[in-house]
Amino acid sequence: NFANNLAHVPVGLFGISFAVSAFPILAKQIAEKKEQEFTQTIYKTVSQILFFLTPTMVFFVLLDEQIVRLVYGAGEFSWESTLLTAKVLLYFVPGIIAQALIPLVSRGFYALKDTKHPLYASIIALILTLITSYLFTFVYTMGVPGLAAAFSISTIVQFFLMVYWLKLPVKHDIGLRQVRSTIIQIVIASIAMLLVLQFTKDLSGGYLDLLTVKGVLTHFLFP
């Protein structure tokens, strides 16, 4: 729950807020039978969400322990709890983009007055979560991180199912071809950011006392 709450922050901040803002436009475009504009609106909104979300994921990967320690590291929350929560948070990271884009795709269905396909995708994701949770937690003995991994996988599957179903009634590609070039640019910039942060993180970590709030905060703000 601690890790999931942190992972949900960018989802709520970027995914849900952009989806809510786009919904009236999507509904109007479908009502006016402007399917091409509907496609373009989804494309632009996806690009905007990815623009903010991808660098956030880089921060989560590189500064997971610092983020957890700064948010929860007080009172009875030990370093052991910090490390475990950070580890679980890493398994949530792969599903963050899918989590953030599902609200937008769902509202695409709602604009089309289709509530069945989002329900079907949710049911399939729920069943998949149960199966993979059991496998990762008990069969592969991953423990608590296995639950996060199972959730990420089922969320990604749910997202792709919804994307596949959404383009059927609209009869248009929902912009994924156009999104591809934007994703490539964002990924290249994020990789460069990751490399720089990793280098400076390792460099500055040796000079800071990471057992204190001041040291952790300095390492987070100036990695």
C-alpha atoms as a PDB file:
ATOM      1  CA  ASN A   1       0.000   0.000   0.000  1.00  0.00           C
ATOM      2  CA  PHE A   2       2.829   2.422   0.802  1.00  0.00           C
ATOM      3  CA  ALA A   3       4.472   1.767  -2.574  1.00  0.00           C
ATOM      4  CA  ASN A   4       1.174   1.815  -4.456  1.00  0.00           C
ATOM      5  CA  ASN A   5       0.263   5.189  -2.962  1.00  0.00           C
ATOM      6  CA  LEU A   6       3.535   6.647  -4.259  1.00  0.00           C
ATOM      7  CA  ALA A   7       3.091   5.057  -7.691  1.00  0.00           C
ATOM      8  CA  HIS A   8      -0.430   6.459  -7.917  1.00  0.00           C
ATOM      9  CA  VAL A   9       0.694  10.077  -7.433  1.00  0.00           C
ATOM     10  CA  PRO A  10       1.807  10.637 -11.078  1.00  0.00           C
ATOM     11  CA  VAL A  11      -1.189   8.592 -12.268  1.00  0.00           C
ATOM     12  CA  GLY A  12      -3.607  10.924 -10.525  1.00  0.00           C
ATOM     13  CA  LEU A  13      -1.611  14.041 -11.263  1.00  0.00           C
ATOM     14  CA  PHE A  14      -1.163  13.491 -14.991  1.00  0.00           C
ATOM     15  CA  GLY A  15      -3.246  10.538 -16.188  1.00  0.00           C
ATOM     16  CA  ILE A  16      -6.570  11.163 -14.500  1.00  0.00           C
ATOM     17  CA  SER A  17      -6.442  14.965 -14.689  1.00  0.00           C
ATOM     18  CA  PHE A  18      -5.704  14.977 -18.447  1.00  0.00           C
ATOM     19  CA  ALA A  19      -8.356  12.313 -19.072  1.00  0.00           C
ATOM     20  CA  VAL A  20     -11.019  14.289 -17.207  1.00  0.00           C
ATOM     21  CA  SER A  21     -10.110  17.433 -19.152  1.00  0.00           C
ATOM     22  CA  ALA A  22     -10.238  15.628 -22.503  1.00  0.00           C
ATOM     23  CA  PHE A  23     -13.559  13.852 -21.957  1.00  0.00           C
ATOM     24  CA  PRO A  24     -15.942  16.757 -22.846  1.00  0.00           C
ATOM     25  CA  ILE A  25     -13.996  17.334 -26.065  1.00  0.00           C
ATOM     26  CA  LEU A  26     -14.084  13.639 -26.969  1.00  0.00           C
ATOM     27  CA  ALA A  27     -17.821  13.417 -26.286  1.00  0.00           C
ATOM     28  CA  LYS A  28     -18.516  16.500 -28.421  1.00  0.00           C
ATOM     29  CA  GLN A  29     -16.425  15.206 -31.320  1.00  0.00           C
ATOM     30  CA  ILE A  30     -18.230  11.853 -31.331  1.00  0.00           C
ATOM     31  CA  ALA A  31     -21.628  13.599 -31.101  1.00  0.00           C
ATOM     32  CA  GLU A  32     -20.658  15.681 -34.137  1.00  0.00           C
ATOM     33  CA  LYS A  33     -19.287  12.542 -35.893  1.00  0.00           C
ATOM     34  CA  LYS A  34     -15.787  14.010 -36.126  1.00  0.00           C
ATOM     35  CA  GLU A  35     -13.941  10.721 -35.777  1.00  0.00           C
ATOM     36  CA  GLN A  36     -10.637  11.994 -37.128  1.00  0.00           C
ATOM     37  CA  GLU A  37     -10.620  14.861 -34.608  1.00  0.00           C
ATOM     38  CA  PHE A  38     -11.498  12.306 -31.909  1.00  0.00           C
ATOM     39  CA  THR A  39      -8.392  10.347 -32.887  1.00  0.00           C
ATOM     40  CA  GLN A  40      -6.210  13.450 -32.842  1.00  0.00           C
ATOM     41  CA  THR A  41      -7.466  14.497 -29.403  1.00  0.00           C
ATOM     42  CA  ILE A  42      -6.522  11.108 -27.968  1.00  0.00           C
ATOM     43  CA  TYR A  43      -3.127  11.279 -29.669  1.00  0.00           C
ATOM     44  CA  LYS A  44      -2.361  14.755 -28.286  1.00  0.00           C
ATOM     45  CA  THR A  45      -3.509  13.818 -24.790  1.00  0.00           C
ATOM     46  CA  VAL A  46      -1.418  10.635 -24.806  1.00  0.00           C
ATOM     47  CA  SER A  47       1.628  12.673 -25.856  1.00  0.00           C
ATOM     48  CA  GLN A  48       1.029  15.201 -23.075  1.00  0.00           C
ATOM     49  CA  ILE A  49       0.688  12.477 -20.447  1.00  0.00           C
ATOM     50  CA  LEU A  50       3.857  10.717 -21.633  1.00  0.00           C
ATOM     51  CA  PHE A  51       5.772  14.000 -21.672  1.00  0.00           C
ATOM     52  CA  PHE A  52       5.299  14.368 -17.912  1.00  0.00           C
ATOM     53  CA  LEU A  53       5.153  10.713 -16.941  1.00  0.00           C
ATOM     54  CA  THR A  54       8.319   9.281 -18.504  1.00  0.00           C
ATOM     55  CA  PRO A  55      10.791  11.547 -16.635  1.00  0.00           C
ATOM     56  CA  THR A  56       8.826  10.860 -13.449  1.00  0.00           C
ATOM     57  CA  MET A  57       9.413   7.136 -13.929  1.00  0.00           C
ATOM     58  CA  VAL A  58      13.136   7.790 -14.305  1.00  0.00           C
ATOM     59  CA  PHE A  59      13.108   9.533 -10.923  1.00  0.00           C
ATOM     60  CA  PHE A  60      11.237   6.606  -9.394  1.00  0.00           C
ATOM     61  CA  VAL A  61      13.806   4.132 -10.728  1.00  0.00           C
ATOM     62  CA  LEU A  62      16.916   6.063  -9.704  1.00  0.00           C
ATOM     63  CA  LEU A  63      15.735   7.764  -6.520  1.00  0.00           C
ATOM     64  CA  ASP A  64      13.295   5.191  -5.188  1.00  0.00           C
ATOM     65  CA  GLU A  65      14.900   4.861  -1.756  1.00  0.00           C
ATOM     66  CA  GLN A  66      15.268   8.630  -1.350  1.00  0.00           C
ATOM     67  CA  ILE A  67      11.624   9.218  -2.319  1.00  0.00           C
ATOM     68  CA  VAL A  68      10.343   6.570   0.088  1.00  0.00           C
ATOM     69  CA  ARG A  69      12.573   7.793   2.915  1.00  0.00           C
ATOM     70  CA  LEU A  70      11.524  11.425   2.493  1.00  0.00           C
ATOM     71  CA  VAL A  71       7.802  10.580   2.384  1.00  0.00           C
ATOM     72  CA  TYR A  72       7.584   7.837   5.018  1.00  0.00           C
ATOM     73  CA  GLY A  73      10.915   7.835   6.851  1.00  0.00           C
ATOM     74  CA  ALA A  74       9.814   9.116  10.219  1.00  0.00           C
ATOM     75  CA  GLY A  75       8.879   7.593  13.562  1.00  0.00           C
ATOM     76  CA  GLU A  76       8.625   3.790  13.417  1.00  0.00           C
ATOM     77  CA  PHE A  77       9.299   3.510   9.673  1.00  0.00           C
ATOM     78  CA  SER A  78      12.668   1.751   9.709  1.00  0.00           C
ATOM     79  CA  TRP A  79      15.345   1.521   7.026  1.00  0.00           C
ATOM     80  CA  GLU A  80      14.293  -2.082   6.454  1.00  0.00           C
ATOM     81  CA  SER A  81      10.762  -0.856   5.711  1.00  0.00           C
ATOM     82  CA  THR A  82      12.204   1.845   3.453  1.00  0.00           C
ATOM     83  CA  LEU A  83      14.205  -0.650   1.411  1.00  0.00           C
ATOM     84  CA  LEU A  84      11.283  -3.070   1.072  1.00  0.00           C
ATOM     85  CA  THR A  85       8.877  -0.298   0.040  1.00  0.00           C
ATOM     86  CA  ALA A  86      11.411   1.020  -2.492  1.00  0.00           C
ATOM     87  CA  LYS A  87      11.826  -2.475  -3.921  1.00  0.00           C
ATOM     88  CA  VAL A  88       8.067  -2.901  -4.293  1.00  0.00           C
ATOM     89  CA  LEU A  89       7.816   0.573  -5.863  1.00  0.00           C
ATOM     90  CA  LEU A  90      10.233  -0.514  -8.604  1.00  0.00           C
ATOM     91  CA  TYR A  91       7.871  -3.335  -9.575  1.00  0.00           C
ATOM     92  CA  PHE A  92       5.012  -0.857  -9.833  1.00  0.00           C
ATOM     93  CA  VAL A  93       6.970   1.406 -12.212  1.00  0.00           C
ATOM     94  CA  PRO A  94       6.461  -0.648 -15.433  1.00  0.00           C
ATOM     95  CA  GLY A  95       2.686  -0.365 -15.040  1.00  0.00           C
ATOM     96  CA  ILE A  96       2.545   3.356 -14.281  1.00  0.00           C
ATOM     97  CA  ILE A  97       2.187   4.458 -17.921  1.00  0.00           C
ATOM     98  CA  ALA A  98      -0.589   1.925 -18.526  1.00  0.00           C
ATOM     99  CA  GLN A  99      -2.290   3.017 -15.303  1.00  0.00           C
ATOM    100  CA  ALA A 100      -2.113   6.648 -16.380  1.00  0.00           C
ATOM    101  CA  LEU A 101      -3.427   6.040 -19.906  1.00  0.00           C
ATOM    102  CA  ILE A 102      -6.315   3.708 -18.991  1.00  0.00           C
ATOM    103  CA  PRO A 103      -8.514   6.592 -17.697  1.00  0.00           C
ATOM    104  CA  LEU A 104      -8.106   8.371 -21.053  1.00  0.00           C
ATOM    105  CA  VAL A 105      -8.893   5.265 -23.111  1.00  0.00           C
ATOM    106  CA  SER A 106     -11.871   4.540 -20.830  1.00  0.00           C
ATOM    107  CA  ARG A 107     -13.279   7.984 -21.521  1.00  0.00           C
ATOM    108  CA  GLY A 108     -12.849   7.319 -25.214  1.00  0.00           C
ATOM    109  CA  PHE A 109     -15.213   4.375 -24.766  1.00  0.00           C
ATOM    110  CA  TYR A 110     -17.602   6.459 -22.653  1.00  0.00           C
ATOM    111  CA  ALA A 111     -17.718   9.113 -25.387  1.00  0.00           C
ATOM    112  CA  LEU A 112     -18.732   6.295 -27.743  1.00  0.00           C
ATOM    113  CA  LYS A 113     -21.383   5.234 -25.189  1.00  0.00           C
ATOM    114  CA  ASP A 114     -19.623   1.917 -24.768  1.00  0.00           C
ATOM    115  CA  THR A 115     -19.239   0.759 -21.167  1.00  0.00           C
ATOM    116  CA  LYS A 116     -18.964  -2.963 -21.920  1.00  0.00           C
ATOM    117  CA  HIS A 117     -15.430  -3.141 -23.284  1.00  0.00           C
ATOM    118  CA  PRO A 118     -13.820  -1.304 -20.317  1.00  0.00           C
ATOM    119  CA  LEU A 119     -15.692  -3.721 -18.036  1.00  0.00           C
ATOM    120  CA  TYR A 120     -14.478  -6.768 -19.981  1.00  0.00           C
ATOM    121  CA  ALA A 121     -10.893  -5.496 -19.862  1.00  0.00           C
ATOM    122  CA  SER A 122     -11.166  -4.913 -16.101  1.00  0.00           C
ATOM    123  CA  ILE A 123     -12.501  -8.421 -15.492  1.00  0.00           C
ATOM    124  CA  ILE A 124      -9.714  -9.992 -17.571  1.00  0.00           C
ATOM    125  CA  ALA A 125      -7.126  -7.871 -15.735  1.00  0.00           C
ATOM    126  CA  LEU A 126      -8.585  -8.907 -12.363  1.00  0.00           C
ATOM    127  CA  ILE A 127      -8.412 -12.618 -13.231  1.00  0.00           C
ATOM    128  CA  LEU A 128      -4.873 -12.191 -14.546  1.00  0.00           C
ATOM    129  CA  THR A 129      -3.885 -10.345 -11.362  1.00  0.00           C
ATOM    130  CA  LEU A 130      -5.134 -13.221  -9.204  1.00  0.00           C
ATOM    131  CA  ILE A 131      -3.258 -15.833 -11.244  1.00  0.00           C
ATOM    132  CA  THR A 132       0.036 -13.929 -11.514  1.00  0.00           C
ATOM    133  CA  SER A 133      -0.124 -12.834  -7.867  1.00  0.00           C
ATOM    134  CA  TYR A 134      -0.266 -16.463  -6.789  1.00  0.00           C
ATOM    135  CA  LEU A 135       2.517 -17.470  -9.184  1.00  0.00           C
ATOM    136  CA  PHE A 136       4.905 -14.650  -8.303  1.00  0.00           C
ATOM    137  CA  THR A 137       4.233 -14.673  -4.570  1.00  0.00           C
ATOM    138  CA  PHE A 138       4.171 -18.399  -3.809  1.00  0.00           C
ATOM    139  CA  VAL A 139       5.518 -20.375  -6.789  1.00  0.00           C
ATOM    140  CA  TYR A 140       8.446 -18.027  -7.563  1.00  0.00           C
ATOM    141  CA  THR A 141       8.622 -16.886  -3.907  1.00  0.00           C
ATOM    142  CA  MET A 142       8.994 -13.192  -4.727  1.00  0.00           C
ATOM    143  CA  GLY A 143       6.963 -12.201  -1.694  1.00  0.00           C
ATOM    144  CA  VAL A 144       5.342  -8.773  -1.561  1.00  0.00           C
ATOM    145  CA  PRO A 145       7.137  -7.467  -4.694  1.00  0.00           C
ATOM    146  CA  GLY A 146       5.396 -10.263  -6.585  1.00  0.00           C
ATOM    147  CA  LEU A 147       2.051  -8.591  -5.918  1.00  0.00           C
ATOM    148  CA  ALA A 148       3.319  -5.350  -7.453  1.00  0.00           C
ATOM    149  CA  ALA A 149       4.735  -7.218 -10.464  1.00  0.00           C
ATOM    150  CA  ALA A 150       1.419  -9.009 -10.983  1.00  0.00           C
ATOM    151  CA  PHE A 151      -0.480  -5.725 -10.808  1.00  0.00           C
ATOM    152  CA  SER A 152       1.836  -4.082 -13.352  1.00  0.00           C
ATOM    153  CA  ILE A 153       1.500  -6.964 -15.823  1.00  0.00           C
ATOM    154  CA  SER A 154      -2.299  -7.098 -15.569  1.00  0.00           C
ATOM    155  CA  THR A 155      -2.537  -3.308 -15.948  1.00  0.00           C
ATOM    156  CA  ILE A 156      -0.416  -3.380 -19.106  1.00  0.00           C
ATOM    157  CA  VAL A 157      -2.551  -6.195 -20.549  1.00  0.00           C
ATOM    158  CA  GLN A 158      -5.719  -4.272 -19.679  1.00  0.00           C
ATOM    159  CA  PHE A 159      -4.410  -1.175 -21.439  1.00  0.00           C
ATOM    160  CA  PHE A 160      -3.508  -2.985 -24.665  1.00  0.00           C
ATOM    161  CA  LEU A 161      -6.848  -4.787 -24.723  1.00  0.00           C
ATOM    162  CA  MET A 162      -8.664  -1.462 -24.420  1.00  0.00           C
ATOM    163  CA  VAL A 163      -6.541   0.155 -27.132  1.00  0.00           C
ATOM    164  CA  TYR A 164      -7.235  -2.791 -29.436  1.00  0.00           C
ATOM    165  CA  TRP A 165     -10.983  -2.620 -28.822  1.00  0.00           C
ATOM    166  CA  LEU A 166     -11.204   1.164 -29.011  1.00  0.00           C
ATOM    167  CA  LYS A 167     -10.074   1.454 -32.631  1.00  0.00           C
ATOM    168  CA  LEU A 168     -12.744  -0.987 -33.846  1.00  0.00           C
ATOM    169  CA  PRO A 169     -15.842   1.255 -33.604  1.00  0.00           C
ATOM    170  CA  VAL A 170     -13.956   4.448 -34.473  1.00  0.00           C
ATOM    171  CA  LYS A 171     -12.483   2.964 -37.673  1.00  0.00           C
ATOM    172  CA  HIS A 172      -9.345   5.014 -37.192  1.00  0.00           C
ATOM    173  CA  ASP A 173      -5.946   4.381 -35.730  1.00  0.00           C
ATOM    174  CA  ILE A 174      -6.115   6.224 -32.394  1.00  0.00           C
ATOM    175  CA  GLY A 175      -2.817   7.921 -33.184  1.00  0.00           C
ATOM    176  CA  LEU A 176      -0.355   5.290 -31.985  1.00  0.00           C
ATOM    177  CA  ARG A 177       1.687   5.640 -35.184  1.00  0.00           C
ATOM    178  CA  GLN A 178       2.030   9.349 -34.546  1.00  0.00           C
ATOM    179  CA  VAL A 179       2.624   8.756 -30.860  1.00  0.00           C
ATOM    180  CA  ARG A 180       5.526   6.467 -31.785  1.00  0.00           C
ATOM    181  CA  SER A 181       7.794   9.315 -32.876  1.00  0.00           C
ATOM    182  CA  THR A 182       6.919  11.297 -29.760  1.00  0.00           C
ATOM    183  CA  ILE A 183       7.661   8.267 -27.571  1.00  0.00           C
ATOM    184  CA  ILE A 184      11.032   7.765 -29.238  1.00  0.00           C
ATOM    185  CA  GLN A 185      12.009  11.390 -28.557  1.00  0.00           C
ATOM    186  CA  ILE A 186      10.838  11.181 -24.929  1.00  0.00           C
ATOM    187  CA  VAL A 187      12.650   7.868 -24.390  1.00  0.00           C
ATOM    188  CA  ILE A 188      15.924   9.214 -25.814  1.00  0.00           C
ATOM    189  CA  ALA A 189      15.707  12.290 -23.565  1.00  0.00           C
ATOM    190  CA  SER A 190      14.820  10.113 -20.563  1.00  0.00           C
ATOM    191  CA  ILE A 191      17.770   7.758 -21.180  1.00  0.00           C
ATOM    192  CA  ALA A 192      20.115  10.744 -21.299  1.00  0.00           C
ATOM    193  CA  MET A 193      18.538  12.026 -18.092  1.00  0.00           C
ATOM    194  CA  LEU A 194      18.910   8.573 -16.493  1.00  0.00           C
ATOM    195  CA  LEU A 195      22.604   8.338 -17.355  1.00  0.00           C
ATOM    196  CA  VAL A 196      23.374  11.815 -16.022  1.00  0.00           C
ATOM    197  CA  LEU A 197      21.398  11.233 -12.817  1.00  0.00           C
ATOM    198  CA  GLN A 198      23.046   7.857 -12.233  1.00  0.00           C
ATOM    199  CA  PHE A 199      26.505   9.376 -12.617  1.00  0.00           C
ATOM    200  CA  THR A 200      25.834  12.339 -10.328  1.00  0.00           C
ATOM    201  CA  LYS A 201      23.975  10.116  -7.842  1.00  0.00           C
ATOM    202  CA  ASP A 202      26.964   7.809  -7.443  1.00  0.00           C
ATOM    203  CA  LEU A 203      29.326  10.778  -7.288  1.00  0.00           C
ATOM    204  CA  SER A 204      27.462  12.729  -4.611  1.00  0.00           C
ATOM    205  CA  GLY A 205      26.358   9.705  -2.568  1.00  0.00           C
ATOM    206  CA  GLY A 206      29.837   9.172  -1.165  1.00  0.00           C
ATOM    207  CA  TYR A 207      29.950  12.636   0.385  1.00  0.00           C
ATOM    208  CA  LEU A 208      26.531  12.642   2.066  1.00  0.00           C
ATOM    209  CA  ASP A 209      25.235  11.063   5.250  1.00  0.00           C
ATOM    210  CA  LEU A 210      22.241   9.170   3.859  1.00  0.00           C
ATOM    211  CA  LEU A 211      21.119   8.156   7.350  1.00  0.00           C
ATOM    212  CA  THR A 212      19.867  11.694   8.007  1.00  0.00           C
ATOM    213  CA  VAL A 213      16.919  13.578   6.512  1.00  0.00           C
ATOM    214  CA  LYS A 214      19.233  16.407   5.472  1.00  0.00           C
ATOM    215  CA  GLY A 215      21.523  14.014   3.618  1.00  0.00           C
ATOM    216  CA  VAL A 216      18.675  12.176   1.885  1.00  0.00           C
ATOM    217  CA  LEU A 217      16.958  15.439   0.911  1.00  0.00           C
ATOM    218  CA  THR A 218      20.209  16.850  -0.494  1.00  0.00           C
ATOM    219  CA  HIS A 219      20.801  13.637  -2.428  1.00  0.00           C
ATOM    220  CA  PHE A 220      17.269  13.828  -3.841  1.00  0.00           C
ATOM    221  CA  LEU A 221      17.378  17.500  -4.824  1.00  0.00           C
ATOM    222  CA  PHE A 222      20.979  17.483  -6.055  1.00  0.00           C
ATOM    223  CA  PRO A 223      21.758  13.881  -7.052  1.00  0.00           C
END
